[in-house]
Amino acid sequence: MPSPDTLLELRDVDFGYAERLVLSGLNMRFRRGQVVAVMGGSGCGKTTVLRLIGGLVKARSGTIDFDGRDIGTLDRKGLYEVRRRMGMLFQFGALFTDLSVFENVAFPLREHADLPEPVLRDLVLMKLNAVGLRGARDLLPSEISGGMARRVALARAIALDPQVMMYDEPFAGLDPISLGITANLIRTLNAALGATTILVTHDVPESFAIADYVYFIANGHIAAEGTPDELRQTSDPAIRQFIDGAPDGPFRFHYPGAALADDFGLAASADRRLP
């Protein structure tokens, strides 16, 4: 039974596609009010964790407990109910290109809340003000920068005051100033909303600066977990390789496949040259 301070928990979760197992025996706990970073190399399954939590894919086994409800057992109506309590910032913003900044943020409010227009307007402007873009309300996504678009997407994600905020690579492609602003916003908004934040990212310095707890995924498992200070002190070679950005170490660069000699017929060529 989850403790009262735990909003979301993954217990013994396995997930894969066909014969390929992506995640195995995953145990993760996300406490109320915390910022939790989920880190690891490309293709390790970080974003898949977010998809499992949102019910976009189903685990092969295990439980995903969201405030006492198992995500994997919910029907369409049940999923819609829990998703209303979640906010999601997609990696590239995913704004509606034909809607203004204002209407992008207003969209979830129009879909899920029956509000008088003056109230909706005030709420949208409050969310835009929180990300510093109230003055851009009438612009289209094509008329603002990539960093600004990411902030608009963030304002839309918090429109319904979610209990869980999920960020998929929020720092990707940002300049140093925008990156710092975004990191501070994530921490500030988490405190203002009293939410639980799940941060999927490669960015070690910014994530360690704002996270309360960190999970490292490698080869489909939790390779390490702890506070940023605890992980900075680790001697685990896989974690050290990731934190230090070292090119050589346990993390695999090549996706598993046939031997190079087999793919290029080198072994057969060598055999033909034998006397």
C-alpha atoms as a PDB file:
ATOM      1  CA  MET A   1       0.000   0.000   0.000  1.00  0.00           C
ATOM      2  CA  PRO A   2       1.504   3.385  -1.021  1.00  0.00           C
ATOM      3  CA  SER A   3       2.369   5.812   1.785  1.00  0.00           C
ATOM      4  CA  PRO A   4       0.170   8.935   2.068  1.00  0.00           C
ATOM      5  CA  ASP A   5       2.949  11.162   0.703  1.00  0.00           C
ATOM      6  CA  THR A   6       3.241   9.080  -2.487  1.00  0.00           C
ATOM      7  CA  LEU A   7       1.061  10.251  -5.380  1.00  0.00           C
ATOM      8  CA  LEU A   8       2.386   7.896  -8.039  1.00  0.00           C
ATOM      9  CA  GLU A   9       4.216   4.576  -7.876  1.00  0.00           C
ATOM     10  CA  LEU A  10       5.464   2.014 -10.415  1.00  0.00           C
ATOM     11  CA  ARG A  11       5.818  -1.481  -8.959  1.00  0.00           C
ATOM     12  CA  ASP A  12       7.612  -4.315 -10.788  1.00  0.00           C
ATOM     13  CA  VAL A  13       6.710  -2.888 -14.215  1.00  0.00           C
ATOM     14  CA  ASP A  14       7.766  -4.721 -17.386  1.00  0.00           C
ATOM     15  CA  PHE A  15       7.181  -3.280 -20.854  1.00  0.00           C
ATOM     16  CA  GLY A  16       8.279  -4.198 -24.353  1.00  0.00           C
ATOM     17  CA  TYR A  17       7.424  -4.314 -28.042  1.00  0.00           C
ATOM     18  CA  ALA A  18       6.910  -7.798 -29.506  1.00  0.00           C
ATOM     19  CA  GLU A  19      10.023  -9.804 -28.564  1.00  0.00           C
ATOM     20  CA  ARG A  20      12.019  -6.780 -27.375  1.00  0.00           C
ATOM     21  CA  LEU A  21      11.872  -5.982 -23.654  1.00  0.00           C
ATOM     22  CA  VAL A  22      12.369  -2.244 -23.084  1.00  0.00           C
ATOM     23  CA  LEU A  23      11.831  -1.941 -19.323  1.00  0.00           C
ATOM     24  CA  SER A  24      12.093  -4.690 -16.733  1.00  0.00           C
ATOM     25  CA  GLY A  25      11.285  -4.777 -13.002  1.00  0.00           C
ATOM     26  CA  LEU A  26      10.849  -1.025 -12.745  1.00  0.00           C
ATOM     27  CA  ASN A  27      10.162   0.294  -9.238  1.00  0.00           C
ATOM     28  CA  MET A  28       9.784   4.064  -8.950  1.00  0.00           C
ATOM     29  CA  ARG A  29       8.090   6.294  -6.402  1.00  0.00           C
ATOM     30  CA  PHE A  30       7.027   9.902  -6.983  1.00  0.00           C
ATOM     31  CA  ARG A  31       6.197  11.771  -3.792  1.00  0.00           C
ATOM     32  CA  ARG A  32       3.845  14.737  -3.521  1.00  0.00           C
ATOM     33  CA  GLY A  33       5.561  18.078  -4.001  1.00  0.00           C
ATOM     34  CA  GLN A  34       8.812  16.618  -5.335  1.00  0.00           C
ATOM     35  CA  VAL A  35      10.682  17.247  -8.574  1.00  0.00           C
ATOM     36  CA  VAL A  36      11.942  13.839  -9.725  1.00  0.00           C
ATOM     37  CA  ALA A  37      14.353  13.515 -12.652  1.00  0.00           C
ATOM     38  CA  VAL A  38      14.360  10.370 -14.820  1.00  0.00           C
ATOM     39  CA  MET A  39      17.676  10.165 -16.646  1.00  0.00           C
ATOM     40  CA  GLY A  40      19.620   7.801 -18.858  1.00  0.00           C
ATOM     41  CA  GLY A  41      21.029   7.373 -22.337  1.00  0.00           C
ATOM     42  CA  SER A  42      19.020   7.784 -25.541  1.00  0.00           C
ATOM     43  CA  GLY A  43      16.648   4.890 -26.129  1.00  0.00           C
ATOM     44  CA  CYS A  44      16.794   3.627 -22.536  1.00  0.00           C
ATOM     45  CA  GLY A  45      13.026   3.989 -22.038  1.00  0.00           C
ATOM     46  CA  LYS A  46      12.721   7.334 -20.230  1.00  0.00           C
ATOM     47  CA  THR A  47       9.872   8.675 -22.384  1.00  0.00           C
ATOM     48  CA  THR A  48       8.227   5.243 -22.248  1.00  0.00           C
ATOM     49  CA  VAL A  49       7.872   5.766 -18.497  1.00  0.00           C
ATOM     50  CA  LEU A  50       5.795   8.894 -19.207  1.00  0.00           C
ATOM     51  CA  ARG A  51       3.691   7.002 -21.765  1.00  0.00           C
ATOM     52  CA  LEU A  52       2.997   4.258 -19.233  1.00  0.00           C
ATOM     53  CA  ILE A  53       1.952   6.804 -16.597  1.00  0.00           C
ATOM     54  CA  GLY A  54      -0.388   8.523 -19.072  1.00  0.00           C
ATOM     55  CA  GLY A  55      -1.903   5.215 -20.164  1.00  0.00           C
ATOM     56  CA  LEU A  56      -0.774   5.617 -23.776  1.00  0.00           C
ATOM     57  CA  VAL A  57       0.788   2.157 -23.592  1.00  0.00           C
ATOM     58  CA  LYS A  58       0.122  -0.768 -21.241  1.00  0.00           C
ATOM     59  CA  ALA A  59       2.670  -2.595 -19.129  1.00  0.00           C
ATOM     60  CA  ARG A  60       3.124  -6.314 -19.716  1.00  0.00           C
ATOM     61  CA  SER A  61       3.109  -6.806 -15.970  1.00  0.00           C
ATOM     62  CA  GLY A  62       3.279  -4.796 -12.774  1.00  0.00           C
ATOM     63  CA  THR A  63       1.243  -1.918 -11.388  1.00  0.00           C
ATOM     64  CA  ILE A  64       1.185   1.826 -12.090  1.00  0.00           C
ATOM     65  CA  ASP A  65      -0.618   3.290  -9.094  1.00  0.00           C
ATOM     66  CA  PHE A  66      -1.846   6.870  -9.428  1.00  0.00           C
ATOM     67  CA  ASP A  67      -3.444   8.059  -6.198  1.00  0.00           C
ATOM     68  CA  GLY A  68      -4.919   4.613  -5.527  1.00  0.00           C
ATOM     69  CA  ARG A  69      -5.951   3.785  -9.116  1.00  0.00           C
ATOM     70  CA  ASP A  70      -4.111   1.297 -11.326  1.00  0.00           C
ATOM     71  CA  ILE A  71      -3.578   3.051 -14.670  1.00  0.00           C
ATOM     72  CA  GLY A  72      -3.315  -0.271 -16.526  1.00  0.00           C
ATOM     73  CA  THR A  73      -6.849  -1.357 -15.555  1.00  0.00           C
ATOM     74  CA  LEU A  74      -8.696   1.858 -16.435  1.00  0.00           C
ATOM     75  CA  ASP A  75     -11.143   2.086 -19.328  1.00  0.00           C
ATOM     76  CA  ARG A  76     -11.316   5.082 -21.672  1.00  0.00           C
ATOM     77  CA  LYS A  77     -13.499   7.109 -19.289  1.00  0.00           C
ATOM     78  CA  GLY A  78     -11.256   6.335 -16.339  1.00  0.00           C
ATOM     79  CA  LEU A  79      -8.141   7.334 -18.277  1.00  0.00           C
ATOM     80  CA  TYR A  80      -9.704  10.659 -19.247  1.00  0.00           C
ATOM     81  CA  GLU A  81     -10.484  11.316 -15.589  1.00  0.00           C
ATOM     82  CA  VAL A  82      -6.915  10.739 -14.400  1.00  0.00           C
ATOM     83  CA  ARG A  83      -5.355  12.528 -17.378  1.00  0.00           C
ATOM     84  CA  ARG A  84      -7.275  15.641 -16.390  1.00  0.00           C
ATOM     85  CA  ARG A  85      -5.089  15.636 -13.270  1.00  0.00           C
ATOM     86  CA  MET A  86      -1.892  15.425 -15.338  1.00  0.00           C
ATOM     87  CA  GLY A  87      -0.034  18.036 -17.354  1.00  0.00           C
ATOM     88  CA  MET A  88       2.375  17.166 -20.154  1.00  0.00           C
ATOM     89  CA  LEU A  89       5.044  19.282 -21.792  1.00  0.00           C
ATOM     90  CA  PHE A  90       6.027  17.543 -25.026  1.00  0.00           C
ATOM     91  CA  GLN A  91       9.606  17.665 -26.244  1.00  0.00           C
ATOM     92  CA  PHE A  92       8.890  20.103 -29.081  1.00  0.00           C
ATOM     93  CA  GLY A  93       5.921  21.904 -27.523  1.00  0.00           C
ATOM     94  CA  ALA A  94       3.261  20.460 -29.869  1.00  0.00           C
ATOM     95  CA  LEU A  95       1.389  23.750 -30.135  1.00  0.00           C
ATOM     96  CA  PHE A  96      -1.563  24.089 -32.500  1.00  0.00           C
ATOM     97  CA  THR A  97      -0.032  26.108 -35.330  1.00  0.00           C
ATOM     98  CA  ASP A  98      -3.299  27.720 -36.484  1.00  0.00           C
ATOM     99  CA  LEU A  99      -4.287  28.922 -33.009  1.00  0.00           C
ATOM    100  CA  SER A 100      -2.953  32.003 -31.281  1.00  0.00           C
ATOM    101  CA  VAL A 101      -0.851  31.782 -28.125  1.00  0.00           C
ATOM    102  CA  PHE A 102      -3.976  32.680 -26.115  1.00  0.00           C
ATOM    103  CA  GLU A 103      -6.134  29.989 -27.739  1.00  0.00           C
ATOM    104  CA  ASN A 104      -3.430  27.338 -27.315  1.00  0.00           C
ATOM    105  CA  VAL A 105      -3.465  27.901 -23.560  1.00  0.00           C
ATOM    106  CA  ALA A 106      -7.257  28.213 -23.508  1.00  0.00           C
ATOM    107  CA  PHE A 107      -7.728  24.881 -25.307  1.00  0.00           C
ATOM    108  CA  PRO A 108      -7.700  22.511 -22.277  1.00  0.00           C
ATOM    109  CA  LEU A 109      -9.922  24.914 -20.342  1.00  0.00           C
ATOM    110  CA  ARG A 110     -12.474  24.978 -23.163  1.00  0.00           C
ATOM    111  CA  GLU A 111     -12.330  21.173 -23.425  1.00  0.00           C
ATOM    112  CA  HIS A 112     -12.568  20.282 -19.743  1.00  0.00           C
ATOM    113  CA  ALA A 113     -14.115  23.230 -17.906  1.00  0.00           C
ATOM    114  CA  ASP A 114     -17.391  25.050 -18.517  1.00  0.00           C
ATOM    115  CA  LEU A 115     -16.235  28.548 -17.640  1.00  0.00           C
ATOM    116  CA  PRO A 116     -17.672  31.976 -18.473  1.00  0.00           C
ATOM    117  CA  GLU A 117     -15.501  33.706 -21.055  1.00  0.00           C
ATOM    118  CA  PRO A 118     -14.296  36.489 -18.699  1.00  0.00           C
ATOM    119  CA  VAL A 119     -13.136  33.889 -16.164  1.00  0.00           C
ATOM    120  CA  LEU A 120     -11.428  31.811 -18.874  1.00  0.00           C
ATOM    121  CA  ARG A 121      -9.686  34.935 -20.190  1.00  0.00           C
ATOM    122  CA  ASP A 122      -8.338  35.826 -16.751  1.00  0.00           C
ATOM    123  CA  LEU A 123      -7.098  32.274 -16.151  1.00  0.00           C
ATOM    124  CA  VAL A 124      -5.303  32.139 -19.501  1.00  0.00           C
ATOM    125  CA  LEU A 125      -3.633  35.499 -18.905  1.00  0.00           C
ATOM    126  CA  MET A 126      -2.561  34.346 -15.421  1.00  0.00           C
ATOM    127  CA  LYS A 127      -0.915  31.234 -16.885  1.00  0.00           C
ATOM    128  CA  LEU A 128       0.798  33.249 -19.612  1.00  0.00           C
ATOM    129  CA  ASN A 129       1.968  35.787 -17.040  1.00  0.00           C
ATOM    130  CA  ALA A 130       3.491  32.956 -15.003  1.00  0.00           C
ATOM    131  CA  VAL A 131       5.746  32.067 -17.963  1.00  0.00           C
ATOM    132  CA  GLY A 132       6.426  35.700 -18.902  1.00  0.00           C
ATOM    133  CA  LEU A 133       4.389  35.735 -22.131  1.00  0.00           C
ATOM    134  CA  ARG A 134       1.197  37.633 -21.342  1.00  0.00           C
ATOM    135  CA  GLY A 135       2.197  40.230 -23.943  1.00  0.00           C
ATOM    136  CA  ALA A 136       2.431  37.563 -26.678  1.00  0.00           C
ATOM    137  CA  ARG A 137      -1.181  36.417 -26.297  1.00  0.00           C
ATOM    138  CA  ASP A 138      -2.276  37.391 -29.816  1.00  0.00           C
ATOM    139  CA  LEU A 139       0.714  36.007 -31.707  1.00  0.00           C
ATOM    140  CA  LEU A 140       0.784  32.738 -33.640  1.00  0.00           C
ATOM    141  CA  PRO A 141       3.340  30.005 -32.828  1.00  0.00           C
ATOM    142  CA  SER A 142       5.152  30.850 -36.085  1.00  0.00           C
ATOM    143  CA  GLU A 143       5.691  34.404 -34.812  1.00  0.00           C
ATOM    144  CA  ILE A 144       7.564  33.467 -31.635  1.00  0.00           C
ATOM    145  CA  SER A 145      10.909  31.787 -30.958  1.00  0.00           C
ATOM    146  CA  GLY A 146      11.398  28.133 -30.101  1.00  0.00           C
ATOM    147  CA  GLY A 147      12.129  28.941 -26.473  1.00  0.00           C
ATOM    148  CA  MET A 148       8.984  31.077 -26.229  1.00  0.00           C
ATOM    149  CA  ALA A 149       6.926  28.315 -27.842  1.00  0.00           C
ATOM    150  CA  ARG A 150       8.175  25.925 -25.154  1.00  0.00           C
ATOM    151  CA  ARG A 151       6.981  28.378 -22.487  1.00  0.00           C
ATOM    152  CA  VAL A 152       3.566  28.677 -24.149  1.00  0.00           C
ATOM    153  CA  ALA A 153       3.334  24.886 -24.108  1.00  0.00           C
ATOM    154  CA  LEU A 154       4.220  24.996 -20.412  1.00  0.00           C
ATOM    155  CA  ALA A 155       1.434  27.521 -19.754  1.00  0.00           C
ATOM    156  CA  ARG A 156      -0.995  25.196 -21.556  1.00  0.00           C
ATOM    157  CA  ALA A 157       0.237  22.200 -19.546  1.00  0.00           C
ATOM    158  CA  ILE A 158      -0.517  23.963 -16.233  1.00  0.00           C
ATOM    159  CA  ALA A 159      -3.845  25.417 -17.380  1.00  0.00           C
ATOM    160  CA  LEU A 160      -5.870  22.911 -15.321  1.00  0.00           C
ATOM    161  CA  ASP A 161      -3.575  23.067 -12.256  1.00  0.00           C
ATOM    162  CA  PRO A 162      -2.468  19.408 -12.590  1.00  0.00           C
ATOM    163  CA  GLN A 163      -1.319  17.279  -9.668  1.00  0.00           C
ATOM    164  CA  VAL A 164       1.372  15.654 -11.822  1.00  0.00           C
ATOM    165  CA  MET A 165       3.487  17.556 -14.331  1.00  0.00           C
ATOM    166  CA  MET A 166       5.484  15.542 -16.860  1.00  0.00           C
ATOM    167  CA  TYR A 167       8.271  17.090 -18.936  1.00  0.00           C
ATOM    168  CA  ASP A 168       9.832  15.279 -21.896  1.00  0.00           C
ATOM    169  CA  GLU A 169      13.285  16.789 -22.552  1.00  0.00           C
ATOM    170  CA  PRO A 170      12.249  20.369 -21.646  1.00  0.00           C
ATOM    171  CA  PHE A 171      15.806  21.700 -22.090  1.00  0.00           C
ATOM    172  CA  ALA A 172      16.450  20.291 -25.580  1.00  0.00           C
ATOM    173  CA  GLY A 173      17.531  22.935 -28.113  1.00  0.00           C
ATOM    174  CA  LEU A 174      17.405  25.878 -25.689  1.00  0.00           C
ATOM    175  CA  ASP A 175      20.072  28.554 -25.423  1.00  0.00           C
ATOM    176  CA  PRO A 176      21.721  28.930 -21.978  1.00  0.00           C
ATOM    177  CA  ILE A 177      19.455  31.820 -20.920  1.00  0.00           C
ATOM    178  CA  SER A 178      16.233  30.078 -21.982  1.00  0.00           C
ATOM    179  CA  LEU A 179      17.476  26.857 -20.383  1.00  0.00           C
ATOM    180  CA  GLY A 180      18.048  28.571 -17.044  1.00  0.00           C
ATOM    181  CA  ILE A 181      14.674  30.332 -17.203  1.00  0.00           C
ATOM    182  CA  THR A 182      12.891  27.073 -18.013  1.00  0.00           C
ATOM    183  CA  ALA A 183      14.601  25.207 -15.163  1.00  0.00           C
ATOM    184  CA  ASN A 184      13.632  27.924 -12.676  1.00  0.00           C
ATOM    185  CA  LEU A 185      10.065  27.922 -14.005  1.00  0.00           C
ATOM    186  CA  ILE A 186       9.758  24.175 -13.517  1.00  0.00           C
ATOM    187  CA  ARG A 187      10.856  24.448  -9.884  1.00  0.00           C
ATOM    188  CA  THR A 188       8.751  27.569  -9.185  1.00  0.00           C
ATOM    189  CA  LEU A 189       5.593  26.200 -10.803  1.00  0.00           C
ATOM    190  CA  ASN A 190       5.954  22.906  -8.953  1.00  0.00           C
ATOM    191  CA  ALA A 191       5.969  24.793  -5.654  1.00  0.00           C
ATOM    192  CA  ALA A 192       3.103  27.095  -6.697  1.00  0.00           C
ATOM    193  CA  LEU A 193       0.902  24.201  -7.828  1.00  0.00           C
ATOM    194  CA  GLY A 194       1.892  21.874  -4.994  1.00  0.00           C
ATOM    195  CA  ALA A 195       2.382  19.332  -7.764  1.00  0.00           C
ATOM    196  CA  THR A 196       4.609  16.328  -8.373  1.00  0.00           C
ATOM    197  CA  THR A 197       6.991  16.888 -11.272  1.00  0.00           C
ATOM    198  CA  ILE A 198       8.552  14.162 -13.424  1.00  0.00           C
ATOM    199  CA  LEU A 199      11.446  15.457 -15.482  1.00  0.00           C
ATOM    200  CA  VAL A 200      12.759  13.274 -18.327  1.00  0.00           C
ATOM    201  CA  THR A 201      16.038  14.767 -19.457  1.00  0.00           C
ATOM    202  CA  HIS A 202      19.676  14.325 -20.509  1.00  0.00           C
ATOM    203  CA  ASP A 203      20.759  17.627 -18.985  1.00  0.00           C
ATOM    204  CA  VAL A 204      22.721  16.810 -15.833  1.00  0.00           C
ATOM    205  CA  PRO A 205      23.654  20.267 -14.396  1.00  0.00           C
ATOM    206  CA  GLU A 206      20.203  21.872 -14.711  1.00  0.00           C
ATOM    207  CA  SER A 207      18.360  18.741 -13.579  1.00  0.00           C
ATOM    208  CA  PHE A 208      20.598  18.217 -10.558  1.00  0.00           C
ATOM    209  CA  ALA A 209      20.085  21.880  -9.631  1.00  0.00           C
ATOM    210  CA  ILE A 210      16.275  21.572  -9.340  1.00  0.00           C
ATOM    211  CA  ALA A 211      15.555  17.873  -8.663  1.00  0.00           C
ATOM    212  CA  ASP A 212      14.828  16.413  -5.233  1.00  0.00           C
ATOM    213  CA  TYR A 213      15.426  12.839  -6.396  1.00  0.00           C
ATOM    214  CA  VAL A 214      16.903  11.159  -9.479  1.00  0.00           C
ATOM    215  CA  TYR A 215      16.404   7.788 -11.172  1.00  0.00           C
ATOM    216  CA  PHE A 216      18.965   6.549 -13.708  1.00  0.00           C
ATOM    217  CA  ILE A 217      17.737   3.985 -16.237  1.00  0.00           C
ATOM    218  CA  ALA A 218      20.230   1.773 -18.065  1.00  0.00           C
ATOM    219  CA  ASN A 219      19.639  -1.431 -20.039  1.00  0.00           C
ATOM    220  CA  GLY A 220      15.963  -1.421 -19.072  1.00  0.00           C
ATOM    221  CA  HIS A 221      16.536  -1.299 -15.310  1.00  0.00           C
ATOM    222  CA  ILE A 222      16.966   1.280 -12.578  1.00  0.00           C
ATOM    223  CA  ALA A 223      20.756   1.460 -12.503  1.00  0.00           C
ATOM    224  CA  ALA A 224      20.910   3.970  -9.651  1.00  0.00           C
ATOM    225  CA  GLU A 225      18.709   6.299  -7.647  1.00  0.00           C
ATOM    226  CA  GLY A 226      19.135   8.921  -4.974  1.00  0.00           C
ATOM    227  CA  THR A 227      19.387  12.635  -4.337  1.00  0.00           C
ATOM    228  CA  PRO A 228      21.586  14.702  -6.674  1.00  0.00           C
ATOM    229  CA  ASP A 229      24.220  15.007  -3.929  1.00  0.00           C
ATOM    230  CA  GLU A 230      24.271  11.242  -3.413  1.00  0.00           C
ATOM    231  CA  LEU A 231      24.677  10.560  -7.131  1.00  0.00           C
ATOM    232  CA  ARG A 232      27.444  13.147  -7.499  1.00  0.00           C
ATOM    233  CA  GLN A 233      29.462  11.053  -5.061  1.00  0.00           C
ATOM    234  CA  THR A 234      28.845   7.707  -6.788  1.00  0.00           C
ATOM    235  CA  SER A 235      31.671   5.532  -8.016  1.00  0.00           C
ATOM    236  CA  ASP A 236      29.387   3.422 -10.229  1.00  0.00           C
ATOM    237  CA  PRO A 237      31.087   3.455 -13.662  1.00  0.00           C
ATOM    238  CA  ALA A 238      27.825   3.709 -15.647  1.00  0.00           C
ATOM    239  CA  ILE A 239      26.570   6.662 -13.626  1.00  0.00           C
ATOM    240  CA  ARG A 240      29.956   8.337 -13.634  1.00  0.00           C
ATOM    241  CA  GLN A 241      30.108   7.978 -17.435  1.00  0.00           C
ATOM    242  CA  PHE A 242      26.734   9.734 -17.786  1.00  0.00           C
ATOM    243  CA  ILE A 243      27.385  12.501 -15.251  1.00  0.00           C
ATOM    244  CA  ASP A 244      30.855  13.224 -16.636  1.00  0.00           C
ATOM    245  CA  GLY A 245      29.842  12.846 -20.297  1.00  0.00           C
ATOM    246  CA  ALA A 246      32.669  10.374 -20.884  1.00  0.00           C
ATOM    247  CA  PRO A 247      32.720   8.724 -24.355  1.00  0.00           C
ATOM    248  CA  ASP A 248      33.898   5.356 -23.014  1.00  0.00           C
ATOM    249  CA  GLY A 249      32.134   3.267 -20.399  1.00  0.00           C
ATOM    250  CA  PRO A 250      29.348   0.759 -19.773  1.00  0.00           C
ATOM    251  CA  PHE A 251      26.672   2.643 -21.741  1.00  0.00           C
ATOM    252  CA  ARG A 252      26.290   1.086 -25.191  1.00  0.00           C
ATOM    253  CA  PHE A 253      26.482   3.403 -28.201  1.00  0.00           C
ATOM    254  CA  HIS A 254      25.494   0.772 -30.793  1.00  0.00           C
ATOM    255  CA  TYR A 255      22.006  -0.712 -30.870  1.00  0.00           C
ATOM    256  CA  PRO A 256      22.252  -4.530 -30.493  1.00  0.00           C
ATOM    257  CA  GLY A 257      22.590  -6.279 -33.852  1.00  0.00           C
ATOM    258  CA  ALA A 258      24.554  -8.785 -35.876  1.00  0.00           C
ATOM    259  CA  ALA A 259      28.329  -8.738 -35.759  1.00  0.00           C
ATOM    260  CA  LEU A 260      29.882  -6.158 -38.103  1.00  0.00           C
ATOM    261  CA  ALA A 261      31.760  -8.870 -39.978  1.00  0.00           C
ATOM    262  CA  ASP A 262      28.515 -10.786 -40.575  1.00  0.00           C
ATOM    263  CA  ASP A 263      26.587  -7.736 -41.843  1.00  0.00           C
ATOM    264  CA  PHE A 264      29.289  -6.805 -44.355  1.00  0.00           C
ATOM    265  CA  GLY A 265      30.178 -10.361 -45.351  1.00  0.00           C
ATOM    266  CA  LEU A 266      33.700  -9.922 -44.081  1.00  0.00           C
ATOM    267  CA  ALA A 267      33.806 -13.348 -42.470  1.00  0.00           C
ATOM    268  CA  ALA A 268      32.824 -15.054 -45.734  1.00  0.00           C
ATOM    269  CA  SER A 269      35.415 -13.034 -47.682  1.00  0.00           C
ATOM    270  CA  ALA A 270      38.105 -14.064 -45.242  1.00  0.00           C
ATOM    271  CA  ASP A 271      37.100 -17.709 -45.622  1.00  0.00           C
ATOM    272  CA  ARG A 272      37.391 -17.486 -49.421  1.00  0.00           C
ATOM    273  CA  ARG A 273      40.950 -16.191 -49.115  1.00  0.00           C
ATOM    274  CA  LEU A 274      42.025 -19.188 -47.076  1.00  0.00           C
ATOM    275  CA  PRO A 275      44.129 -21.758 -49.050  1.00  0.00           C
END
